[in-house]
């Protein structure tokens, strides 16, 4: 069994828990690979990095363990979204909504994982491409993709198409495309609906829309969403999960990615 470890090396309590998890897995003869950030730490030099392992080894990675808060979990999902690897979240942060294993239960949960005493829950993700960004560092989002205005004074217009057909032009401070998992996050705070985690749907939720008649819209999750962004400040912000992209001027294309298990 091979397990990839993700954690924020800048947080001492998280780093201590990460070393505890790694030592426990090694004692159980489990092969451990580390994320790029952890591999660059002095502690991580004796381990293979995730990128190195994926490029050189034919053996699959069986699990990823995210150690931290929900932000670390979302970053982990973004990085390995194309690898279809289940993710276990150990909570060293504040929320623990996605990373719901408490550190006091770490060894018990790891023992169950090694003994294959678990179930895998599948969730849908978004895959993102943008005509003006050649390569997006982590083009997958478990919660949402957000188009946001850049300046403080003016709103943006987001011309939206679904499966090639014109849908609506949103005039607002921004627009969210949220998954069922993300429906409980930013989407909820802007008045969007809650979706069952296994619903085959996405939500388009405007942020501070100019028109009170424009409400959040639930669409099929196999729809391809294309957007053209117009702004008086000439630029807009484009965020995929925890990654903020360079300011954009033209079309952002948002597609649903295939369901991933974690």
C-alpha atoms as a PDB file:
ATOM      1  CA  UNK A   1       0.000   0.000   0.000  1.00  0.00           C
ATOM      2  CA  UNK A   2       1.215   3.489  -0.894  1.00  0.00           C
ATOM      3  CA  UNK A   3      -0.133   6.613   0.810  1.00  0.00           C
ATOM      4  CA  UNK A   4       0.512  10.239  -0.112  1.00  0.00           C
ATOM      5  CA  UNK A   5       0.718  12.781   2.723  1.00  0.00           C
ATOM      6  CA  UNK A   6      -0.358  16.429   2.455  1.00  0.00           C
ATOM      7  CA  UNK A   7       0.058  19.035   5.201  1.00  0.00           C
ATOM      8  CA  UNK A   8       0.997  22.662   5.756  1.00  0.00           C
ATOM      9  CA  UNK A   9       4.640  22.576   6.928  1.00  0.00           C
ATOM     10  CA  UNK A  10       4.414  26.132   8.300  1.00  0.00           C
ATOM     11  CA  UNK A  11       2.031  25.179  11.123  1.00  0.00           C
ATOM     12  CA  UNK A  12       3.936  23.492  13.994  1.00  0.00           C
ATOM     13  CA  UNK A  13       0.978  21.467  15.324  1.00  0.00           C
ATOM     14  CA  UNK A  14       0.184  20.194  11.827  1.00  0.00           C
ATOM     15  CA  UNK A  15       3.811  19.307  11.164  1.00  0.00           C
ATOM     16  CA  UNK A  16       4.004  17.346  14.430  1.00  0.00           C
ATOM     17  CA  UNK A  17       0.864  15.400  13.538  1.00  0.00           C
ATOM     18  CA  UNK A  18       2.226  14.745  10.054  1.00  0.00           C
ATOM     19  CA  UNK A  19       5.411  13.215  11.488  1.00  0.00           C
ATOM     20  CA  UNK A  20       3.282  11.115  13.856  1.00  0.00           C
ATOM     21  CA  UNK A  21       1.217   9.795  10.929  1.00  0.00           C
ATOM     22  CA  UNK A  22       4.292   9.064   8.806  1.00  0.00           C
ATOM     23  CA  UNK A  23       6.030   7.197  11.638  1.00  0.00           C
ATOM     24  CA  UNK A  24       2.925   5.116  12.336  1.00  0.00           C
ATOM     25  CA  UNK A  25       2.560   4.167   8.668  1.00  0.00           C
ATOM     26  CA  UNK A  26       6.249   3.273   8.353  1.00  0.00           C
ATOM     27  CA  UNK A  27       5.988   1.062  11.435  1.00  0.00           C
ATOM     28  CA  UNK A  28       3.171  -0.759   9.606  1.00  0.00           C
ATOM     29  CA  UNK A  29       5.365  -1.180   6.495  1.00  0.00           C
ATOM     30  CA  UNK A  30       3.310   1.279   4.454  1.00  0.00           C
ATOM     31  CA  UNK A  31       5.098   3.125   1.640  1.00  0.00           C
ATOM     32  CA  UNK A  32       4.826   6.897   2.139  1.00  0.00           C
ATOM     33  CA  UNK A  33       5.239   9.673  -0.428  1.00  0.00           C
ATOM     34  CA  UNK A  34       5.043  13.368   0.409  1.00  0.00           C
ATOM     35  CA  UNK A  35       3.519  16.380  -1.267  1.00  0.00           C
ATOM     36  CA  UNK A  36       5.836  18.798  -3.051  1.00  0.00           C
ATOM     37  CA  UNK A  37       5.788  21.251  -0.118  1.00  0.00           C
ATOM     38  CA  UNK A  38       6.622  18.591   2.472  1.00  0.00           C
ATOM     39  CA  UNK A  39       9.297  17.027   0.268  1.00  0.00           C
ATOM     40  CA  UNK A  40      11.095  20.404   0.115  1.00  0.00           C
ATOM     41  CA  UNK A  41      11.395  20.490   3.902  1.00  0.00           C
ATOM     42  CA  UNK A  42      14.602  19.013   5.419  1.00  0.00           C
ATOM     43  CA  UNK A  43      12.452  16.299   7.028  1.00  0.00           C
ATOM     44  CA  UNK A  44      11.063  15.259   3.654  1.00  0.00           C
ATOM     45  CA  UNK A  45      14.297  14.722   1.749  1.00  0.00           C
ATOM     46  CA  UNK A  46      14.381  11.015   2.614  1.00  0.00           C
ATOM     47  CA  UNK A  47      10.965  10.435   1.020  1.00  0.00           C
ATOM     48  CA  UNK A  48       9.832  10.363  -2.581  1.00  0.00           C
ATOM     49  CA  UNK A  49       7.771  13.348  -3.685  1.00  0.00           C
ATOM     50  CA  UNK A  50       4.310  12.833  -5.113  1.00  0.00           C
ATOM     51  CA  UNK A  51       5.319  14.243  -8.509  1.00  0.00           C
ATOM     52  CA  UNK A  52       8.387  12.014  -8.678  1.00  0.00           C
ATOM     53  CA  UNK A  53       6.435   8.911  -7.705  1.00  0.00           C
ATOM     54  CA  UNK A  54       3.645   9.537 -10.232  1.00  0.00           C
ATOM     55  CA  UNK A  55       6.089  10.185 -13.087  1.00  0.00           C
ATOM     56  CA  UNK A  56       8.429   7.252 -12.433  1.00  0.00           C
ATOM     57  CA  UNK A  57       6.343   4.480 -10.836  1.00  0.00           C
ATOM     58  CA  UNK A  58       3.671   2.325 -12.392  1.00  0.00           C
ATOM     59  CA  UNK A  59       2.155   1.416  -9.035  1.00  0.00           C
ATOM     60  CA  UNK A  60      -0.910   3.481  -8.051  1.00  0.00           C
ATOM     61  CA  UNK A  61      -1.219   5.585  -4.930  1.00  0.00           C
ATOM     62  CA  UNK A  62      -3.895   3.947  -2.797  1.00  0.00           C
ATOM     63  CA  UNK A  63      -4.828   6.870  -0.542  1.00  0.00           C
ATOM     64  CA  UNK A  64      -4.031  10.477   0.215  1.00  0.00           C
ATOM     65  CA  UNK A  65      -4.075  11.782   3.771  1.00  0.00           C
ATOM     66  CA  UNK A  66      -4.702  15.485   4.276  1.00  0.00           C
ATOM     67  CA  UNK A  67      -3.499  16.753   7.653  1.00  0.00           C
ATOM     68  CA  UNK A  68      -4.777  20.206   8.615  1.00  0.00           C
ATOM     69  CA  UNK A  69      -8.088  21.955   8.176  1.00  0.00           C
ATOM     70  CA  UNK A  70     -10.640  22.067   5.382  1.00  0.00           C
ATOM     71  CA  UNK A  71      -8.383  24.418   3.412  1.00  0.00           C
ATOM     72  CA  UNK A  72      -5.673  21.752   3.278  1.00  0.00           C
ATOM     73  CA  UNK A  73      -8.281  19.174   2.265  1.00  0.00           C
ATOM     74  CA  UNK A  74      -9.516  21.363  -0.600  1.00  0.00           C
ATOM     75  CA  UNK A  75      -5.939  22.032  -1.745  1.00  0.00           C
ATOM     76  CA  UNK A  76      -5.229  18.294  -1.697  1.00  0.00           C
ATOM     77  CA  UNK A  77      -8.313  17.598  -3.810  1.00  0.00           C
ATOM     78  CA  UNK A  78      -7.261  20.285  -6.297  1.00  0.00           C
ATOM     79  CA  UNK A  79      -3.748  18.866  -6.683  1.00  0.00           C
ATOM     80  CA  UNK A  80      -4.704  15.194  -7.110  1.00  0.00           C
ATOM     81  CA  UNK A  81      -8.079  15.707  -8.780  1.00  0.00           C
ATOM     82  CA  UNK A  82      -6.911  13.962 -11.965  1.00  0.00           C
ATOM     83  CA  UNK A  83      -5.518  10.905 -10.144  1.00  0.00           C
ATOM     84  CA  UNK A  84      -8.790   9.586  -8.662  1.00  0.00           C
ATOM     85  CA  UNK A  85      -7.274   8.934  -5.237  1.00  0.00           C
ATOM     86  CA  UNK A  86      -9.482   8.704  -2.110  1.00  0.00           C
ATOM     87  CA  UNK A  87      -8.655  11.339   0.519  1.00  0.00           C
ATOM     88  CA  UNK A  88      -8.751  10.936   4.290  1.00  0.00           C
ATOM     89  CA  UNK A  89      -8.801  14.190   6.253  1.00  0.00           C
ATOM     90  CA  UNK A  90      -7.227  14.520   9.710  1.00  0.00           C
ATOM     91  CA  UNK A  91      -8.325  17.743  11.392  1.00  0.00           C
ATOM     92  CA  UNK A  92      -5.693  20.041  12.875  1.00  0.00           C
ATOM     93  CA  UNK A  93      -7.580  23.173  11.888  1.00  0.00           C
ATOM     94  CA  UNK A  94     -10.707  24.984  12.996  1.00  0.00           C
ATOM     95  CA  UNK A  95     -13.663  23.625  11.025  1.00  0.00           C
ATOM     96  CA  UNK A  96     -13.158  19.940  10.414  1.00  0.00           C
ATOM     97  CA  UNK A  97     -16.175  19.754   8.106  1.00  0.00           C
ATOM     98  CA  UNK A  98     -14.338  17.831   5.388  1.00  0.00           C
ATOM     99  CA  UNK A  99     -11.327  16.814   7.486  1.00  0.00           C
ATOM    100  CA  UNK A 100     -13.398  15.156  10.184  1.00  0.00           C
ATOM    101  CA  UNK A 101     -10.902  12.767  11.861  1.00  0.00           C
ATOM    102  CA  UNK A 102      -9.696  14.236  15.154  1.00  0.00           C
ATOM    103  CA  UNK A 103      -6.048  13.779  16.100  1.00  0.00           C
ATOM    104  CA  UNK A 104      -7.069  11.800  19.189  1.00  0.00           C
ATOM    105  CA  UNK A 105      -8.450   9.105  16.862  1.00  0.00           C
ATOM    106  CA  UNK A 106      -5.633   9.125  14.295  1.00  0.00           C
ATOM    107  CA  UNK A 107      -4.107   5.727  15.048  1.00  0.00           C
ATOM    108  CA  UNK A 108      -7.493   3.988  15.300  1.00  0.00           C
ATOM    109  CA  UNK A 109      -8.560   5.373  11.910  1.00  0.00           C
ATOM    110  CA  UNK A 110      -5.226   4.536  10.282  1.00  0.00           C
ATOM    111  CA  UNK A 111      -5.482   0.963  11.549  1.00  0.00           C
ATOM    112  CA  UNK A 112      -8.941   0.674   9.998  1.00  0.00           C
ATOM    113  CA  UNK A 113      -7.596   2.128   6.753  1.00  0.00           C
ATOM    114  CA  UNK A 114      -4.749  -0.390   6.611  1.00  0.00           C
ATOM    115  CA  UNK A 115      -7.194  -3.257   7.354  1.00  0.00           C
ATOM    116  CA  UNK A 116      -9.557  -1.994   4.610  1.00  0.00           C
ATOM    117  CA  UNK A 117     -12.331  -1.271   7.088  1.00  0.00           C
ATOM    118  CA  UNK A 118     -13.746   1.761   5.307  1.00  0.00           C
ATOM    119  CA  UNK A 119     -16.200   2.966   2.706  1.00  0.00           C
ATOM    120  CA  UNK A 120     -15.429   5.395  -0.133  1.00  0.00           C
ATOM    121  CA  UNK A 121     -17.818   8.263  -0.811  1.00  0.00           C
ATOM    122  CA  UNK A 122     -17.724   9.729  -4.313  1.00  0.00           C
ATOM    123  CA  UNK A 123     -18.135  13.459  -4.981  1.00  0.00           C
ATOM    124  CA  UNK A 124     -18.129  15.472  -8.193  1.00  0.00           C
ATOM    125  CA  UNK A 125     -15.486  18.098  -8.972  1.00  0.00           C
ATOM    126  CA  UNK A 126     -15.103  20.918 -11.462  1.00  0.00           C
ATOM    127  CA  UNK A 127     -12.383  21.052 -14.086  1.00  0.00           C
ATOM    128  CA  UNK A 128     -11.438  24.565 -15.181  1.00  0.00           C
ATOM    129  CA  UNK A 129      -9.835  25.991 -18.301  1.00  0.00           C
ATOM    130  CA  UNK A 130      -9.331  29.622 -19.259  1.00  0.00           C
ATOM    131  CA  UNK A 131      -8.495  31.035 -22.681  1.00  0.00           C
ATOM    132  CA  UNK A 132      -6.088  33.629 -21.272  1.00  0.00           C
ATOM    133  CA  UNK A 133      -4.249  31.420 -18.753  1.00  0.00           C
ATOM    134  CA  UNK A 134      -2.020  28.920 -20.549  1.00  0.00           C
ATOM    135  CA  UNK A 135      -1.647  26.526 -17.620  1.00  0.00           C
ATOM    136  CA  UNK A 136      -3.714  26.560 -14.450  1.00  0.00           C
ATOM    137  CA  UNK A 137      -1.627  25.152 -11.547  1.00  0.00           C
ATOM    138  CA  UNK A 138      -4.485  23.134 -10.010  1.00  0.00           C
ATOM    139  CA  UNK A 139      -7.443  23.109 -12.451  1.00  0.00           C
ATOM    140  CA  UNK A 140      -9.805  21.107 -10.249  1.00  0.00           C
ATOM    141  CA  UNK A 141     -12.215  22.319  -7.593  1.00  0.00           C
ATOM    142  CA  UNK A 142     -14.137  20.282  -5.041  1.00  0.00           C
ATOM    143  CA  UNK A 143     -16.198  23.207  -3.689  1.00  0.00           C
ATOM    144  CA  UNK A 144     -16.539  25.962  -6.251  1.00  0.00           C
ATOM    145  CA  UNK A 145     -15.082  28.180  -8.926  1.00  0.00           C
ATOM    146  CA  UNK A 146     -15.551  31.935  -8.430  1.00  0.00           C
ATOM    147  CA  UNK A 147     -15.433  34.843 -10.861  1.00  0.00           C
ATOM    148  CA  UNK A 148     -15.042  38.058  -8.815  1.00  0.00           C
ATOM    149  CA  UNK A 149     -14.777  41.740  -9.577  1.00  0.00           C
ATOM    150  CA  UNK A 150     -11.304  43.228  -9.266  1.00  0.00           C
ATOM    151  CA  UNK A 151     -12.039  46.824  -8.246  1.00  0.00           C
ATOM    152  CA  UNK A 152     -14.197  48.268  -5.475  1.00  0.00           C
ATOM    153  CA  UNK A 153     -16.421  50.558  -7.516  1.00  0.00           C
ATOM    154  CA  UNK A 154     -17.986  48.663 -10.424  1.00  0.00           C
ATOM    155  CA  UNK A 155     -19.646  45.302 -10.897  1.00  0.00           C
ATOM    156  CA  UNK A 156     -18.786  42.807 -13.617  1.00  0.00           C
ATOM    157  CA  UNK A 157     -20.928  41.245 -16.328  1.00  0.00           C
ATOM    158  CA  UNK A 158     -20.647  37.496 -16.833  1.00  0.00           C
ATOM    159  CA  UNK A 159     -22.169  36.304 -20.092  1.00  0.00           C
ATOM    160  CA  UNK A 160     -23.027  32.658 -19.440  1.00  0.00           C
ATOM    161  CA  UNK A 161     -23.671  29.779 -21.834  1.00  0.00           C
ATOM    162  CA  UNK A 162     -24.774  26.234 -21.005  1.00  0.00           C
ATOM    163  CA  UNK A 163     -23.944  23.480 -23.513  1.00  0.00           C
ATOM    164  CA  UNK A 164     -23.289  26.151 -26.126  1.00  0.00           C
ATOM    165  CA  UNK A 165     -26.618  27.974 -25.676  1.00  0.00           C
ATOM    166  CA  UNK A 166     -26.948  31.441 -24.173  1.00  0.00           C
ATOM    167  CA  UNK A 167     -28.234  31.289 -20.595  1.00  0.00           C
ATOM    168  CA  UNK A 168     -27.973  34.717 -18.938  1.00  0.00           C
ATOM    169  CA  UNK A 169     -25.724  37.726 -18.427  1.00  0.00           C
ATOM    170  CA  UNK A 170     -25.127  38.149 -14.708  1.00  0.00           C
ATOM    171  CA  UNK A 171     -24.429  41.720 -13.570  1.00  0.00           C
ATOM    172  CA  UNK A 172     -23.037  41.332 -10.093  1.00  0.00           C
ATOM    173  CA  UNK A 173     -19.967  41.422  -7.890  1.00  0.00           C
ATOM    174  CA  UNK A 174     -19.248  37.897  -9.038  1.00  0.00           C
ATOM    175  CA  UNK A 175     -20.564  34.461  -9.950  1.00  0.00           C
ATOM    176  CA  UNK A 176     -20.048  31.091  -8.274  1.00  0.00           C
ATOM    177  CA  UNK A 177     -20.228  27.662  -9.872  1.00  0.00           C
ATOM    178  CA  UNK A 178     -20.607  25.301  -6.922  1.00  0.00           C
ATOM    179  CA  UNK A 179     -20.700  21.535  -6.570  1.00  0.00           C
ATOM    180  CA  UNK A 180     -23.024  19.752  -4.111  1.00  0.00           C
ATOM    181  CA  UNK A 181     -20.084  19.588  -1.688  1.00  0.00           C
ATOM    182  CA  UNK A 182     -19.489  23.314  -2.127  1.00  0.00           C
ATOM    183  CA  UNK A 183     -23.164  24.169  -1.732  1.00  0.00           C
ATOM    184  CA  UNK A 184     -22.571  24.373   2.043  1.00  0.00           C
ATOM    185  CA  UNK A 185     -19.668  26.832   1.654  1.00  0.00           C
ATOM    186  CA  UNK A 186     -19.419  30.162  -0.221  1.00  0.00           C
ATOM    187  CA  UNK A 187     -22.603  29.299  -2.141  1.00  0.00           C
ATOM    188  CA  UNK A 188     -24.625  29.148   1.087  1.00  0.00           C
ATOM    189  CA  UNK A 189     -23.313  32.506   2.297  1.00  0.00           C
ATOM    190  CA  UNK A 190     -24.532  34.253  -0.891  1.00  0.00           C
ATOM    191  CA  UNK A 191     -28.030  32.751  -0.618  1.00  0.00           C
ATOM    192  CA  UNK A 192     -27.571  29.651  -2.758  1.00  0.00           C
ATOM    193  CA  UNK A 193     -29.421  26.383  -2.056  1.00  0.00           C
ATOM    194  CA  UNK A 194     -28.139  23.372  -0.175  1.00  0.00           C
ATOM    195  CA  UNK A 195     -27.734  20.275  -2.342  1.00  0.00           C
ATOM    196  CA  UNK A 196     -27.549  16.668  -1.252  1.00  0.00           C
ATOM    197  CA  UNK A 197     -23.898  15.537  -1.526  1.00  0.00           C
ATOM    198  CA  UNK A 198     -24.820  12.957  -4.157  1.00  0.00           C
ATOM    199  CA  UNK A 199     -27.124  15.154  -6.236  1.00  0.00           C
ATOM    200  CA  UNK A 200     -26.207  15.184  -9.921  1.00  0.00           C
ATOM    201  CA  UNK A 201     -26.305  18.967 -10.065  1.00  0.00           C
ATOM    202  CA  UNK A 202     -24.314  22.214  -9.926  1.00  0.00           C
ATOM    203  CA  UNK A 203     -25.368  25.668  -8.716  1.00  0.00           C
ATOM    204  CA  UNK A 204     -24.814  29.005 -10.427  1.00  0.00           C
ATOM    205  CA  UNK A 205     -25.018  31.622  -7.664  1.00  0.00           C
ATOM    206  CA  UNK A 206     -24.548  35.344  -8.347  1.00  0.00           C
ATOM    207  CA  UNK A 207     -22.800  37.441  -5.696  1.00  0.00           C
ATOM    208  CA  UNK A 208     -24.588  40.719  -4.839  1.00  0.00           C
ATOM    209  CA  UNK A 209     -26.511  40.728  -8.102  1.00  0.00           C
ATOM    210  CA  UNK A 210     -27.739  44.025  -9.573  1.00  0.00           C
ATOM    211  CA  UNK A 211     -31.216  42.593 -10.224  1.00  0.00           C
ATOM    212  CA  UNK A 212     -33.316  41.181  -7.391  1.00  0.00           C
ATOM    213  CA  UNK A 213     -35.117  38.898  -9.893  1.00  0.00           C
ATOM    214  CA  UNK A 214     -31.911  36.974 -10.638  1.00  0.00           C
ATOM    215  CA  UNK A 215     -31.677  34.032  -8.261  1.00  0.00           C
ATOM    216  CA  UNK A 216     -29.337  31.022  -7.927  1.00  0.00           C
ATOM    217  CA  UNK A 217     -29.899  28.378 -10.599  1.00  0.00           C
ATOM    218  CA  UNK A 218     -29.512  24.604 -10.224  1.00  0.00           C
ATOM    219  CA  UNK A 219     -28.298  22.908 -13.415  1.00  0.00           C
ATOM    220  CA  UNK A 220     -27.341  19.319 -14.406  1.00  0.00           C
ATOM    221  CA  UNK A 221     -23.806  18.408 -13.437  1.00  0.00           C
ATOM    222  CA  UNK A 222     -22.967  17.154 -16.925  1.00  0.00           C
ATOM    223  CA  UNK A 223     -23.503  20.650 -18.384  1.00  0.00           C
ATOM    224  CA  UNK A 224     -20.571  22.513 -19.948  1.00  0.00           C
ATOM    225  CA  UNK A 225     -20.551  26.127 -18.756  1.00  0.00           C
ATOM    226  CA  UNK A 226     -18.778  28.828 -20.789  1.00  0.00           C
ATOM    227  CA  UNK A 227     -18.421  32.392 -19.561  1.00  0.00           C
ATOM    228  CA  UNK A 228     -17.315  35.696 -21.010  1.00  0.00           C
ATOM    229  CA  UNK A 229     -16.369  38.306 -18.440  1.00  0.00           C
ATOM    230  CA  UNK A 230     -16.712  42.059 -18.972  1.00  0.00           C
ATOM    231  CA  UNK A 231     -15.525  44.660 -16.448  1.00  0.00           C
ATOM    232  CA  UNK A 232     -15.139  48.450 -16.447  1.00  0.00           C
ATOM    233  CA  UNK A 233     -11.885  47.961 -14.542  1.00  0.00           C
ATOM    234  CA  UNK A 234     -10.727  45.753 -17.489  1.00  0.00           C
ATOM    235  CA  UNK A 235      -9.888  42.802 -15.233  1.00  0.00           C
ATOM    236  CA  UNK A 236     -11.586  40.323 -12.914  1.00  0.00           C
ATOM    237  CA  UNK A 237     -10.435  37.764 -10.371  1.00  0.00           C
ATOM    238  CA  UNK A 238     -10.684  34.087 -11.185  1.00  0.00           C
ATOM    239  CA  UNK A 239     -10.465  31.623  -8.280  1.00  0.00           C
ATOM    240  CA  UNK A 240     -10.569  27.839  -8.448  1.00  0.00           C
ATOM    241  CA  UNK A 241     -10.967  26.638  -4.862  1.00  0.00           C
ATOM    242  CA  UNK A 242      -7.996  27.924  -2.874  1.00  0.00           C
ATOM    243  CA  UNK A 243      -6.003  29.038  -5.941  1.00  0.00           C
ATOM    244  CA  UNK A 244      -6.306  32.680  -7.067  1.00  0.00           C
ATOM    245  CA  UNK A 245      -5.409  32.997 -10.749  1.00  0.00           C
ATOM    246  CA  UNK A 246      -3.837  36.020 -12.456  1.00  0.00           C
ATOM    247  CA  UNK A 247      -6.336  38.736 -13.362  1.00  0.00           C
ATOM    248  CA  UNK A 248      -8.290  37.799 -16.487  1.00  0.00           C
ATOM    249  CA  UNK A 249      -9.671  39.862 -19.345  1.00  0.00           C
ATOM    250  CA  UNK A 250     -11.414  37.380 -21.607  1.00  0.00           C
ATOM    251  CA  UNK A 251     -13.304  34.073 -21.597  1.00  0.00           C
ATOM    252  CA  UNK A 252     -13.139  31.543 -18.789  1.00  0.00           C
ATOM    253  CA  UNK A 253     -14.429  28.098 -19.647  1.00  0.00           C
ATOM    254  CA  UNK A 254     -15.780  25.968 -16.815  1.00  0.00           C
ATOM    255  CA  UNK A 255     -16.490  22.268 -17.302  1.00  0.00           C
ATOM    256  CA  UNK A 256     -17.631  19.645 -14.875  1.00  0.00           C
ATOM    257  CA  UNK A 257     -14.966  17.065 -14.160  1.00  0.00           C
ATOM    258  CA  UNK A 258     -15.703  13.362 -13.703  1.00  0.00           C
ATOM    259  CA  UNK A 259     -16.716  12.157 -10.255  1.00  0.00           C
ATOM    260  CA  UNK A 260     -13.833  11.540  -7.889  1.00  0.00           C
ATOM    261  CA  UNK A 261     -13.737   9.397  -4.788  1.00  0.00           C
ATOM    262  CA  UNK A 262     -12.381  10.518  -1.445  1.00  0.00           C
END
